[in-house]
Amino acid sequence: MLSKNRKRTAYPMRAAASDLSDVIQRFIRDGWVAEPALVGLPSYSRSDLDLESADISGDLSDHHLLAWERNFPSNLRSICTEFKLYFYGDHLRTNGLSVIGQFRLTTLLKYLKSQNDRLVLPISIYMNKERSEGALMFESGVLIQFSADADNNNFYVRTVESGIDLTAGDASKFANERFVKSLFNEFSCAELRKKKGAPTMKSVQKLCDFLKERVD
């Protein structure tokens, strides 16, 4: 039996066939990734999962997290991510994604706009005072956090948090709202553009160019 709070220091990285933008779109559209095969897993049932290859945090009889590194293609590159499953005992609660490699937020937004589906465009922008990091909230309750590079020219996706908790209805969506509001302030693109002296103006301008139809 695996021990409480066991955490692996190294585990195999696996390449996934799905494009990273498409995987994140599934999050946004459905509130989570409902198809295990999309991330290279046989199912989301804990009894079917290879726990020896997982990074495990927490008590397996209580709240715990299972994670696997996955490489997803994007524009002829390979982006390293960590796909996460959240459990309470044997019961799956939801899933999420951390992006370890550099994946530009504008690359994702360009893909989302190409789908011609307003439901996959964000409804709210949250940012810190320095305009160096923030988050996008979607109608499904999904929250995407991002931060700027060292030169403040581009934003990069850091995490994708599900808007669904299978054990508690819309609780995850509301938790995401409370979480993001505790860290950042909400802005429209019009308000962000007024901050001419903001150190991340170039990255902010790129972001707003993609979002002006939705959040202005």
C-alpha atoms as a PDB file:
ATOM      1  CA  MET A   1       0.000   0.000   0.000  1.00  0.00           C
ATOM      2  CA  LEU A   2       1.250   3.470  -0.794  1.00  0.00           C
ATOM      3  CA  SER A   3       2.062   5.525   2.246  1.00  0.00           C
ATOM      4  CA  LYS A   4       0.500   8.758   3.424  1.00  0.00           C
ATOM      5  CA  ASN A   5       1.933  11.962   1.952  1.00  0.00           C
ATOM      6  CA  ARG A   6       4.233   9.976  -0.339  1.00  0.00           C
ATOM      7  CA  LYS A   7       5.745  12.168  -3.051  1.00  0.00           C
ATOM      8  CA  ARG A   8       7.897  10.912  -5.876  1.00  0.00           C
ATOM      9  CA  THR A   9      10.936  12.964  -6.796  1.00  0.00           C
ATOM     10  CA  ALA A  10      11.104  11.673 -10.369  1.00  0.00           C
ATOM     11  CA  TYR A  11       8.659   9.980 -12.700  1.00  0.00           C
ATOM     12  CA  PRO A  12       8.530   9.249 -16.417  1.00  0.00           C
ATOM     13  CA  MET A  13       7.482  11.911 -18.879  1.00  0.00           C
ATOM     14  CA  ARG A  14       5.061  10.847 -21.575  1.00  0.00           C
ATOM     15  CA  ALA A  15       4.263  12.474 -24.885  1.00  0.00           C
ATOM     16  CA  ALA A  16       0.583  13.099 -25.651  1.00  0.00           C
ATOM     17  CA  ALA A  17      -0.834  13.324 -29.150  1.00  0.00           C
ATOM     18  CA  SER A  18      -3.355  16.110 -28.500  1.00  0.00           C
ATOM     19  CA  ASP A  19      -2.396  19.722 -29.170  1.00  0.00           C
ATOM     20  CA  LEU A  20      -2.064  21.703 -25.936  1.00  0.00           C
ATOM     21  CA  SER A  21      -4.421  24.446 -27.134  1.00  0.00           C
ATOM     22  CA  ASP A  22      -7.075  21.827 -27.878  1.00  0.00           C
ATOM     23  CA  VAL A  23      -6.684  20.266 -24.432  1.00  0.00           C
ATOM     24  CA  ILE A  24      -7.137  23.647 -22.739  1.00  0.00           C
ATOM     25  CA  GLN A  25     -10.136  24.391 -24.965  1.00  0.00           C
ATOM     26  CA  ARG A  26     -11.737  21.184 -23.652  1.00  0.00           C
ATOM     27  CA  PHE A  27     -11.208  22.490 -20.121  1.00  0.00           C
ATOM     28  CA  ILE A  28     -12.838  25.791 -20.998  1.00  0.00           C
ATOM     29  CA  ARG A  29     -15.769  24.361 -22.930  1.00  0.00           C
ATOM     30  CA  ASP A  30     -16.678  21.536 -20.529  1.00  0.00           C
ATOM     31  CA  GLY A  31     -15.295  22.868 -17.243  1.00  0.00           C
ATOM     32  CA  TRP A  32     -12.755  20.036 -17.084  1.00  0.00           C
ATOM     33  CA  VAL A  33     -11.150  17.396 -19.331  1.00  0.00           C
ATOM     34  CA  ALA A  34     -13.751  14.643 -19.446  1.00  0.00           C
ATOM     35  CA  GLU A  35     -11.816  12.275 -21.751  1.00  0.00           C
ATOM     36  CA  PRO A  36      -8.922  10.406 -20.059  1.00  0.00           C
ATOM     37  CA  ALA A  37      -7.504   9.269 -23.409  1.00  0.00           C
ATOM     38  CA  LEU A  38      -6.859  12.901 -24.303  1.00  0.00           C
ATOM     39  CA  VAL A  39      -4.140  13.007 -21.637  1.00  0.00           C
ATOM     40  CA  GLY A  40      -2.868   9.465 -22.061  1.00  0.00           C
ATOM     41  CA  LEU A  41      -4.715   7.821 -19.144  1.00  0.00           C
ATOM     42  CA  PRO A  42      -6.840   4.645 -19.341  1.00  0.00           C
ATOM     43  CA  SER A  43      -9.571   6.134 -17.144  1.00  0.00           C
ATOM     44  CA  TYR A  44     -10.036   8.407 -14.137  1.00  0.00           C
ATOM     45  CA  SER A  45     -10.839   5.511 -11.815  1.00  0.00           C
ATOM     46  CA  ARG A  46      -8.088   5.226  -9.234  1.00  0.00           C
ATOM     47  CA  SER A  47      -8.136   1.433  -9.484  1.00  0.00           C
ATOM     48  CA  ASP A  48      -7.214   1.684 -13.188  1.00  0.00           C
ATOM     49  CA  LEU A  49      -4.380   4.164 -12.739  1.00  0.00           C
ATOM     50  CA  ASP A  50      -0.686   3.361 -12.438  1.00  0.00           C
ATOM     51  CA  LEU A  51       0.076   4.928  -9.076  1.00  0.00           C
ATOM     52  CA  GLU A  52       3.719   3.926  -9.306  1.00  0.00           C
ATOM     53  CA  SER A  53       4.175   6.408 -12.170  1.00  0.00           C
ATOM     54  CA  ALA A  54       2.248   9.205 -10.441  1.00  0.00           C
ATOM     55  CA  ASP A  55       3.417  12.080  -8.288  1.00  0.00           C
ATOM     56  CA  ILE A  56       1.270  11.737  -5.160  1.00  0.00           C
ATOM     57  CA  SER A  57       0.508  14.449  -2.626  1.00  0.00           C
ATOM     58  CA  GLY A  58      -1.726  13.985   0.403  1.00  0.00           C
ATOM     59  CA  ASP A  59      -3.386  11.080   2.187  1.00  0.00           C
ATOM     60  CA  LEU A  60      -4.901   8.472  -0.164  1.00  0.00           C
ATOM     61  CA  SER A  61      -7.770   7.966   2.280  1.00  0.00           C
ATOM     62  CA  ASP A  62      -8.543  11.699   2.368  1.00  0.00           C
ATOM     63  CA  HIS A  63      -7.979  14.639  -0.006  1.00  0.00           C
ATOM     64  CA  HIS A  64      -5.060  13.907  -2.334  1.00  0.00           C
ATOM     65  CA  LEU A  65      -3.582  14.772  -5.698  1.00  0.00           C
ATOM     66  CA  LEU A  66      -2.222  12.482  -8.422  1.00  0.00           C
ATOM     67  CA  ALA A  67      -0.117  14.046 -11.171  1.00  0.00           C
ATOM     68  CA  TRP A  68       1.673  12.920 -14.316  1.00  0.00           C
ATOM     69  CA  GLU A  69       4.016  14.864 -16.562  1.00  0.00           C
ATOM     70  CA  ARG A  70       2.801  15.091 -20.127  1.00  0.00           C
ATOM     71  CA  ASN A  71       4.394  16.669 -23.197  1.00  0.00           C
ATOM     72  CA  PHE A  72       1.854  18.213 -25.565  1.00  0.00           C
ATOM     73  CA  PRO A  73       2.667  19.476 -29.078  1.00  0.00           C
ATOM     74  CA  SER A  74       2.124  23.139 -29.943  1.00  0.00           C
ATOM     75  CA  ASN A  75       3.303  24.855 -33.136  1.00  0.00           C
ATOM     76  CA  LEU A  76       5.903  22.160 -33.856  1.00  0.00           C
ATOM     77  CA  ARG A  77       7.219  22.399 -30.281  1.00  0.00           C
ATOM     78  CA  SER A  78       6.778  20.141 -27.269  1.00  0.00           C
ATOM     79  CA  ILE A  79       5.398  21.781 -24.119  1.00  0.00           C
ATOM     80  CA  CYS A  80       5.972  20.090 -20.772  1.00  0.00           C
ATOM     81  CA  THR A  81       2.940  20.059 -18.469  1.00  0.00           C
ATOM     82  CA  GLU A  82       1.678  18.324 -15.351  1.00  0.00           C
ATOM     83  CA  PHE A  83      -1.824  16.841 -15.564  1.00  0.00           C
ATOM     84  CA  LYS A  84      -3.483  16.593 -12.155  1.00  0.00           C
ATOM     85  CA  LEU A  85      -6.344  14.549 -10.729  1.00  0.00           C
ATOM     86  CA  TYR A  86      -7.903  15.624  -7.432  1.00  0.00           C
ATOM     87  CA  PHE A  87      -9.494  12.923  -5.270  1.00  0.00           C
ATOM     88  CA  TYR A  88     -11.312  12.586  -1.979  1.00  0.00           C
ATOM     89  CA  GLY A  89     -10.681   8.985  -1.004  1.00  0.00           C
ATOM     90  CA  ASP A  90     -11.656   6.911  -4.042  1.00  0.00           C
ATOM     91  CA  HIS A  91     -13.894   9.668  -5.408  1.00  0.00           C
ATOM     92  CA  LEU A  92     -12.626  11.852  -8.235  1.00  0.00           C
ATOM     93  CA  ARG A  93     -13.322  15.534  -7.624  1.00  0.00           C
ATOM     94  CA  THR A  94     -11.844  17.230 -10.699  1.00  0.00           C
ATOM     95  CA  ASN A  95      -8.697  17.699 -12.768  1.00  0.00           C
ATOM     96  CA  GLY A  96      -6.297  20.503 -13.664  1.00  0.00           C
ATOM     97  CA  LEU A  97      -3.142  21.350 -15.573  1.00  0.00           C
ATOM     98  CA  SER A  98       0.129  23.105 -14.737  1.00  0.00           C
ATOM     99  CA  VAL A  99       2.255  24.320 -17.648  1.00  0.00           C
ATOM    100  CA  ILE A 100       5.950  23.830 -16.924  1.00  0.00           C
ATOM    101  CA  GLY A 101       7.300  24.845 -20.333  1.00  0.00           C
ATOM    102  CA  GLN A 102       6.820  28.207 -22.035  1.00  0.00           C
ATOM    103  CA  PHE A 103       3.405  28.408 -23.672  1.00  0.00           C
ATOM    104  CA  ARG A 104       2.308  31.883 -24.732  1.00  0.00           C
ATOM    105  CA  LEU A 105      -1.125  33.055 -23.690  1.00  0.00           C
ATOM    106  CA  THR A 106      -1.574  34.708 -27.100  1.00  0.00           C
ATOM    107  CA  THR A 107      -1.002  31.326 -28.802  1.00  0.00           C
ATOM    108  CA  LEU A 108      -3.895  29.902 -26.810  1.00  0.00           C
ATOM    109  CA  LEU A 109      -6.144  32.910 -27.405  1.00  0.00           C
ATOM    110  CA  LYS A 110      -5.471  32.858 -31.143  1.00  0.00           C
ATOM    111  CA  TYR A 111      -6.553  29.221 -31.222  1.00  0.00           C
ATOM    112  CA  LEU A 112      -9.672  29.916 -29.155  1.00  0.00           C
ATOM    113  CA  LYS A 113     -10.723  32.781 -31.429  1.00  0.00           C
ATOM    114  CA  SER A 114     -10.292  30.536 -34.478  1.00  0.00           C
ATOM    115  CA  GLN A 115     -12.999  28.236 -33.086  1.00  0.00           C
ATOM    116  CA  ASN A 116     -15.675  30.912 -33.632  1.00  0.00           C
ATOM    117  CA  ASP A 117     -17.275  30.040 -30.315  1.00  0.00           C
ATOM    118  CA  ARG A 118     -17.817  32.930 -27.910  1.00  0.00           C
ATOM    119  CA  LEU A 119     -18.289  30.478 -25.042  1.00  0.00           C
ATOM    120  CA  VAL A 120     -14.572  29.648 -25.103  1.00  0.00           C
ATOM    121  CA  LEU A 121     -13.513  33.293 -24.793  1.00  0.00           C
ATOM    122  CA  PRO A 122     -12.865  34.718 -21.316  1.00  0.00           C
ATOM    123  CA  ILE A 123     -15.429  36.906 -19.618  1.00  0.00           C
ATOM    124  CA  SER A 124     -13.171  38.570 -17.030  1.00  0.00           C
ATOM    125  CA  ILE A 125      -9.545  39.717 -16.713  1.00  0.00           C
ATOM    126  CA  TYR A 126      -7.844  39.890 -13.318  1.00  0.00           C
ATOM    127  CA  MET A 127      -4.368  41.331 -12.811  1.00  0.00           C
ATOM    128  CA  ASN A 128      -2.010  42.527 -10.121  1.00  0.00           C
ATOM    129  CA  LYS A 129      -1.023  46.161  -9.679  1.00  0.00           C
ATOM    130  CA  GLU A 130       2.202  45.761 -11.629  1.00  0.00           C
ATOM    131  CA  ARG A 131       0.375  44.086 -14.564  1.00  0.00           C
ATOM    132  CA  SER A 132       2.945  41.293 -14.407  1.00  0.00           C
ATOM    133  CA  GLU A 133       0.576  38.424 -13.650  1.00  0.00           C
ATOM    134  CA  GLY A 134      -3.086  37.689 -13.606  1.00  0.00           C
ATOM    135  CA  ALA A 135      -5.873  35.307 -14.565  1.00  0.00           C
ATOM    136  CA  LEU A 136      -8.699  34.857 -17.038  1.00  0.00           C
ATOM    137  CA  MET A 137     -12.110  33.623 -15.908  1.00  0.00           C
ATOM    138  CA  PHE A 138     -14.428  31.761 -18.289  1.00  0.00           C
ATOM    139  CA  GLU A 139     -18.179  31.127 -18.249  1.00  0.00           C
ATOM    140  CA  SER A 140     -17.561  27.475 -17.354  1.00  0.00           C
ATOM    141  CA  GLY A 141     -15.787  28.610 -14.181  1.00  0.00           C
ATOM    142  CA  VAL A 142     -12.369  27.593 -15.517  1.00  0.00           C
ATOM    143  CA  LEU A 143      -9.544  29.832 -14.345  1.00  0.00           C
ATOM    144  CA  ILE A 144      -6.313  30.271 -16.323  1.00  0.00           C
ATOM    145  CA  GLN A 145      -3.428  31.931 -14.515  1.00  0.00           C
ATOM    146  CA  PHE A 146      -0.604  33.591 -16.421  1.00  0.00           C
ATOM    147  CA  SER A 147       2.511  35.674 -15.800  1.00  0.00           C
ATOM    148  CA  ALA A 148       4.872  37.831 -17.871  1.00  0.00           C
ATOM    149  CA  ASP A 149       8.375  36.979 -19.015  1.00  0.00           C
ATOM    150  CA  ALA A 150      11.423  38.870 -17.740  1.00  0.00           C
ATOM    151  CA  ASP A 151      11.117  41.550 -20.442  1.00  0.00           C
ATOM    152  CA  ASN A 152       7.371  41.975 -19.902  1.00  0.00           C
ATOM    153  CA  ASN A 153       6.748  41.397 -23.600  1.00  0.00           C
ATOM    154  CA  ASN A 154       4.620  38.244 -23.390  1.00  0.00           C
ATOM    155  CA  PHE A 155       2.323  36.448 -20.977  1.00  0.00           C
ATOM    156  CA  TYR A 156       2.723  32.696 -20.458  1.00  0.00           C
ATOM    157  CA  VAL A 157       0.088  30.233 -19.240  1.00  0.00           C
ATOM    158  CA  ARG A 158       0.941  28.800 -15.808  1.00  0.00           C
ATOM    159  CA  THR A 159      -2.101  26.836 -14.584  1.00  0.00           C
ATOM    160  CA  VAL A 160      -5.541  25.777 -15.767  1.00  0.00           C
ATOM    161  CA  GLU A 161      -7.994  25.211 -12.919  1.00  0.00           C
ATOM    162  CA  SER A 162     -11.230  23.293 -13.451  1.00  0.00           C
ATOM    163  CA  GLY A 163     -14.641  24.899 -12.969  1.00  0.00           C
ATOM    164  CA  ILE A 164     -16.252  21.622 -11.885  1.00  0.00           C
ATOM    165  CA  ASP A 165     -16.185  19.652  -8.648  1.00  0.00           C
ATOM    166  CA  LEU A 166     -17.872  16.292  -9.284  1.00  0.00           C
ATOM    167  CA  THR A 167     -18.530  15.894  -5.551  1.00  0.00           C
ATOM    168  CA  ALA A 168     -19.919  19.376  -4.904  1.00  0.00           C
ATOM    169  CA  GLY A 169     -21.625  20.812  -7.991  1.00  0.00           C
ATOM    170  CA  ASP A 170     -20.617  24.420  -8.720  1.00  0.00           C
ATOM    171  CA  ALA A 171     -18.467  24.709  -5.592  1.00  0.00           C
ATOM    172  CA  SER A 172     -15.256  24.678  -7.646  1.00  0.00           C
ATOM    173  CA  LYS A 173     -16.469  27.508  -9.865  1.00  0.00           C
ATOM    174  CA  PHE A 174     -17.292  29.696  -6.882  1.00  0.00           C
ATOM    175  CA  ALA A 175     -14.032  28.739  -5.176  1.00  0.00           C
ATOM    176  CA  ASN A 176     -12.127  29.900  -8.261  1.00  0.00           C
ATOM    177  CA  GLU A 177     -13.955  33.228  -8.159  1.00  0.00           C
ATOM    178  CA  ARG A 178     -13.121  33.748  -4.482  1.00  0.00           C
ATOM    179  CA  PHE A 179      -9.521  32.703  -5.051  1.00  0.00           C
ATOM    180  CA  VAL A 180      -8.826  35.019  -7.984  1.00  0.00           C
ATOM    181  CA  LYS A 181     -10.503  37.989  -6.303  1.00  0.00           C
ATOM    182  CA  SER A 182      -8.290  37.491  -3.250  1.00  0.00           C
ATOM    183  CA  LEU A 183      -5.158  37.824  -5.412  1.00  0.00           C
ATOM    184  CA  PHE A 184      -6.001  40.270  -8.204  1.00  0.00           C
ATOM    185  CA  ASN A 185      -8.252  43.128  -9.227  1.00  0.00           C
ATOM    186  CA  GLU A 186     -10.685  42.859 -12.122  1.00  0.00           C
ATOM    187  CA  PHE A 187     -10.104  45.119 -15.140  1.00  0.00           C
ATOM    188  CA  SER A 188     -11.622  45.781 -18.516  1.00  0.00           C
ATOM    189  CA  CYS A 189      -9.239  46.180 -21.449  1.00  0.00           C
ATOM    190  CA  ALA A 190     -10.211  49.850 -21.609  1.00  0.00           C
ATOM    191  CA  GLU A 191      -8.996  50.303 -18.028  1.00  0.00           C
ATOM    192  CA  LEU A 192      -5.773  48.407 -18.697  1.00  0.00           C
ATOM    193  CA  ARG A 193      -4.981  50.500 -21.765  1.00  0.00           C
ATOM    194  CA  LYS A 194      -5.188  53.676 -19.694  1.00  0.00           C
ATOM    195  CA  LYS A 195      -2.164  52.560 -17.685  1.00  0.00           C
ATOM    196  CA  LYS A 196       0.365  53.958 -20.142  1.00  0.00           C
ATOM    197  CA  GLY A 197       3.204  53.707 -17.674  1.00  0.00           C
ATOM    198  CA  ALA A 198       2.560  50.092 -16.727  1.00  0.00           C
ATOM    199  CA  PRO A 199       5.779  48.075 -17.066  1.00  0.00           C
ATOM    200  CA  THR A 200       3.958  45.243 -18.858  1.00  0.00           C
ATOM    201  CA  MET A 201       2.185  47.461 -21.379  1.00  0.00           C
ATOM    202  CA  LYS A 202       3.384  45.486 -24.401  1.00  0.00           C
ATOM    203  CA  SER A 203       2.141  42.186 -23.007  1.00  0.00           C
ATOM    204  CA  VAL A 204      -1.089  43.835 -21.830  1.00  0.00           C
ATOM    205  CA  GLN A 205      -1.632  45.344 -25.275  1.00  0.00           C
ATOM    206  CA  LYS A 206      -1.225  41.934 -26.930  1.00  0.00           C
ATOM    207  CA  LEU A 207      -3.697  40.429 -24.476  1.00  0.00           C
ATOM    208  CA  CYS A 208      -6.297  43.134 -25.037  1.00  0.00           C
ATOM    209  CA  ASP A 209      -5.952  42.962 -28.812  1.00  0.00           C
ATOM    210  CA  PHE A 210      -7.254  39.405 -28.588  1.00  0.00           C
ATOM    211  CA  LEU A 211      -9.929  40.071 -25.985  1.00  0.00           C
ATOM    212  CA  LYS A 212     -11.418  43.417 -27.020  1.00  0.00           C
ATOM    213  CA  GLU A 213     -14.536  41.813 -28.492  1.00  0.00           C
ATOM    214  CA  ARG A 214     -15.368  40.084 -25.233  1.00  0.00           C
ATOM    215  CA  VAL A 215     -14.262  42.071 -22.182  1.00  0.00           C
ATOM    216  CA  ASP A 216     -14.184  45.720 -23.260  1.00  0.00           C
END
